[in-house]
Amino acid sequence: MPIELEGTPEGVRLGGRLSRHERKAKVRCQAAAIPRAVIAKIDGLMPAETLLLSKVQPPEGTKLVFRHDLPVASVTTIAAATDRPEEAAPAAGGAAAGGAEAKGEKKDDKKKK
């Protein structure tokens, strides 16, 4: 069965990023009651939280069947990920620029001699 996500997580409203993991689930039900999809409500997900398969409410008359409690969706914080590259970029850029200047000076010194 496909797993459909319903809603907008609170963590996304606060600046996080939604990551989708499991897209299908096995279900057990009567043949006449086969649903078109399993709906996972994700409105309450906050940053750094994960919705596990065991927390998904299956359609009425249906039971989710799984061996491992796999993640369906999670909200990650993007602020932490964006802070690190910004801090590293000036240091890397400064070192690269300094290295280029140092090489440039050596070439100029050779030309003068």
C-alpha atoms as a PDB file:
ATOM      1  CA  MET A   1       0.000   0.000   0.000  1.00  0.00           C
ATOM      2  CA  PRO A   2       1.294   3.491  -0.688  1.00  0.00           C
ATOM      3  CA  ILE A   3       1.746   5.798   2.304  1.00  0.00           C
ATOM      4  CA  GLU A   4       0.439   9.314   1.726  1.00  0.00           C
ATOM      5  CA  LEU A   5       1.509  12.187   3.967  1.00  0.00           C
ATOM      6  CA  GLU A   6      -1.262  14.528   5.095  1.00  0.00           C
ATOM      7  CA  GLY A   7      -0.745  18.007   6.496  1.00  0.00           C
ATOM      8  CA  THR A   8       2.148  20.404   6.976  1.00  0.00           C
ATOM      9  CA  PRO A   9       4.441  19.693   9.924  1.00  0.00           C
ATOM     10  CA  GLU A  10       4.834  22.405  12.541  1.00  0.00           C
ATOM     11  CA  GLY A  11       8.594  21.907  12.253  1.00  0.00           C
ATOM     12  CA  VAL A  12       8.493  22.937   8.573  1.00  0.00           C
ATOM     13  CA  ARG A  13       6.635  26.132   9.528  1.00  0.00           C
ATOM     14  CA  LEU A  14       9.464  26.836  11.977  1.00  0.00           C
ATOM     15  CA  GLY A  15      12.125  26.494   9.278  1.00  0.00           C
ATOM     16  CA  GLY A  16      12.813  22.760   9.193  1.00  0.00           C
ATOM     17  CA  ARG A  17      12.849  20.458   6.197  1.00  0.00           C
ATOM     18  CA  LEU A  18      10.554  17.455   5.711  1.00  0.00           C
ATOM     19  CA  SER A  19      12.266  14.203   4.773  1.00  0.00           C
ATOM     20  CA  ARG A  20      10.206  11.305   3.506  1.00  0.00           C
ATOM     21  CA  HIS A  21      11.423   7.769   4.189  1.00  0.00           C
ATOM     22  CA  GLU A  22       9.103   4.755   3.811  1.00  0.00           C
ATOM     23  CA  ARG A  23       6.690   5.124   0.907  1.00  0.00           C
ATOM     24  CA  LYS A  24       4.904   1.776   1.142  1.00  0.00           C
ATOM     25  CA  ALA A  25       3.459  -0.361   3.922  1.00  0.00           C
ATOM     26  CA  LYS A  26       2.104  -3.882   4.104  1.00  0.00           C
ATOM     27  CA  VAL A  27      -1.432  -4.190   5.414  1.00  0.00           C
ATOM     28  CA  ARG A  28      -3.721  -6.992   6.496  1.00  0.00           C
ATOM     29  CA  CYS A  29      -7.448  -6.604   5.890  1.00  0.00           C
ATOM     30  CA  GLN A  30     -10.491  -8.195   4.290  1.00  0.00           C
ATOM     31  CA  ALA A  31     -10.425  -8.249   0.489  1.00  0.00           C
ATOM     32  CA  ALA A  32     -13.527  -6.046   0.348  1.00  0.00           C
ATOM     33  CA  ALA A  33     -11.909  -3.435   2.622  1.00  0.00           C
ATOM     34  CA  ILE A  34      -8.618  -2.816   0.803  1.00  0.00           C
ATOM     35  CA  PRO A  35      -7.864   0.920   1.113  1.00  0.00           C
ATOM     36  CA  ARG A  36      -6.335   2.931  -1.730  1.00  0.00           C
ATOM     37  CA  ALA A  37      -3.581   4.214   0.597  1.00  0.00           C
ATOM     38  CA  VAL A  38      -2.450   4.523   4.191  1.00  0.00           C
ATOM     39  CA  ILE A  39      -2.694   8.143   5.366  1.00  0.00           C
ATOM     40  CA  ALA A  40       0.034   9.382   7.732  1.00  0.00           C
ATOM     41  CA  LYS A  41      -0.878  12.634   9.490  1.00  0.00           C
ATOM     42  CA  ILE A  42       2.252  14.716   9.984  1.00  0.00           C
ATOM     43  CA  ASP A  43       0.860  18.022  11.333  1.00  0.00           C
ATOM     44  CA  GLY A  44       2.396  17.588  14.789  1.00  0.00           C
ATOM     45  CA  LEU A  45       5.973  16.826  13.720  1.00  0.00           C
ATOM     46  CA  MET A  46       8.442  19.257  15.252  1.00  0.00           C
ATOM     47  CA  PRO A  47      12.108  19.794  14.278  1.00  0.00           C
ATOM     48  CA  ALA A  48      14.265  16.709  14.987  1.00  0.00           C
ATOM     49  CA  GLU A  49      11.180  14.461  15.307  1.00  0.00           C
ATOM     50  CA  THR A  50      10.430  11.300  13.332  1.00  0.00           C
ATOM     51  CA  LEU A  51       7.099   9.627  12.612  1.00  0.00           C
ATOM     52  CA  LEU A  52       7.503   5.865  12.900  1.00  0.00           C
ATOM     53  CA  LEU A  53       5.350   3.293  11.142  1.00  0.00           C
ATOM     54  CA  SER A  54       3.946   2.115  14.491  1.00  0.00           C
ATOM     55  CA  LYS A  55       2.500   5.613  15.082  1.00  0.00           C
ATOM     56  CA  VAL A  56       0.596   5.718  11.769  1.00  0.00           C
ATOM     57  CA  GLN A  57      -3.128   5.138  12.238  1.00  0.00           C
ATOM     58  CA  PRO A  58      -4.216   2.562   9.620  1.00  0.00           C
ATOM     59  CA  PRO A  59      -7.617   2.819   7.908  1.00  0.00           C
ATOM     60  CA  GLU A  60     -10.535   1.200   9.730  1.00  0.00           C
ATOM     61  CA  GLY A  61     -10.531  -2.583   9.387  1.00  0.00           C
ATOM     62  CA  THR A  62      -6.876  -2.574   8.371  1.00  0.00           C
ATOM     63  CA  LYS A  63      -3.763  -3.549  10.315  1.00  0.00           C
ATOM     64  CA  LEU A  64      -0.205  -2.513   9.417  1.00  0.00           C
ATOM     65  CA  VAL A  65       2.186  -5.448   9.184  1.00  0.00           C
ATOM     66  CA  PHE A  66       5.896  -4.833   9.751  1.00  0.00           C
ATOM     67  CA  ARG A  67       8.925  -6.458  11.365  1.00  0.00           C
ATOM     68  CA  HIS A  68      10.902  -3.280  12.014  1.00  0.00           C
ATOM     69  CA  ASP A  69       9.446   0.032  13.141  1.00  0.00           C
ATOM     70  CA  LEU A  70      10.701   2.072  10.181  1.00  0.00           C
ATOM     71  CA  PRO A  71      10.577   5.871   9.865  1.00  0.00           C
ATOM     72  CA  VAL A  72       7.883   7.260   7.560  1.00  0.00           C
ATOM     73  CA  ALA A  73       8.820  10.951   7.728  1.00  0.00           C
ATOM     74  CA  SER A  74      11.002  13.271   9.770  1.00  0.00           C
ATOM     75  CA  VAL A  75      11.659  16.970  10.138  1.00  0.00           C
ATOM     76  CA  THR A  76      15.267  18.063  10.190  1.00  0.00           C
ATOM     77  CA  THR A  77      16.505  21.485  11.163  1.00  0.00           C
ATOM     78  CA  ILE A  78      18.173  23.264   8.267  1.00  0.00           C
ATOM     79  CA  ALA A  79      19.528  26.116  10.389  1.00  0.00           C
ATOM     80  CA  ALA A  80      22.289  23.921  11.795  1.00  0.00           C
ATOM     81  CA  ALA A  81      23.219  22.667   8.346  1.00  0.00           C
ATOM     82  CA  THR A  82      23.400  26.172   6.857  1.00  0.00           C
ATOM     83  CA  ASP A  83      25.436  27.634   9.756  1.00  0.00           C
ATOM     84  CA  ARG A  84      28.364  25.283   9.254  1.00  0.00           C
ATOM     85  CA  PRO A  85      29.053  25.974   5.552  1.00  0.00           C
ATOM     86  CA  GLU A  86      28.886  29.739   6.150  1.00  0.00           C
ATOM     87  CA  GLU A  87      31.490  29.469   8.904  1.00  0.00           C
ATOM     88  CA  ALA A  88      33.719  27.221   6.817  1.00  0.00           C
ATOM     89  CA  ALA A  89      33.411  29.236   3.594  1.00  0.00           C
ATOM     90  CA  PRO A  90      35.273  32.380   4.751  1.00  0.00           C
ATOM     91  CA  ALA A  91      38.064  30.319   6.290  1.00  0.00           C
ATOM     92  CA  ALA A  92      38.443  28.225   3.152  1.00  0.00           C
ATOM     93  CA  GLY A  93      38.124  31.268   0.903  1.00  0.00           C
ATOM     94  CA  GLY A  94      40.653  33.239   2.951  1.00  0.00           C
ATOM     95  CA  ALA A  95      43.155  30.413   2.854  1.00  0.00           C
ATOM     96  CA  ALA A  96      42.694  29.966  -0.876  1.00  0.00           C
ATOM     97  CA  ALA A  97      43.026  33.696  -1.491  1.00  0.00           C
ATOM     98  CA  GLY A  98      46.127  33.880   0.714  1.00  0.00           C
ATOM     99  CA  GLY A  99      47.637  30.950  -1.118  1.00  0.00           C
ATOM    100  CA  ALA A 100      46.984  32.563  -4.490  1.00  0.00           C
ATOM    101  CA  GLU A 101      48.559  35.834  -3.353  1.00  0.00           C
ATOM    102  CA  ALA A 102      51.600  34.049  -2.039  1.00  0.00           C
ATOM    103  CA  LYS A 103      52.054  32.227  -5.346  1.00  0.00           C
ATOM    104  CA  GLY A 104      51.496  35.477  -7.235  1.00  0.00           C
ATOM    105  CA  GLU A 105      54.237  37.195  -5.227  1.00  0.00           C
ATOM    106  CA  LYS A 106      56.709  34.440  -6.004  1.00  0.00           C
ATOM    107  CA  LYS A 107      56.021  34.691  -9.712  1.00  0.00           C
ATOM    108  CA  ASP A 108      56.449  38.463  -9.595  1.00  0.00           C
ATOM    109  CA  ASP A 109      59.712  38.100  -7.662  1.00  0.00           C
ATOM    110  CA  LYS A 110      61.070  35.723 -10.316  1.00  0.00           C
ATOM    111  CA  LYS A 111      60.149  38.131 -13.113  1.00  0.00           C
ATOM    112  CA  LYS A 112      61.901  41.032 -11.370  1.00  0.00           C
ATOM    113  CA  LYS A 113      65.167  39.100 -10.985  1.00  0.00           C
END
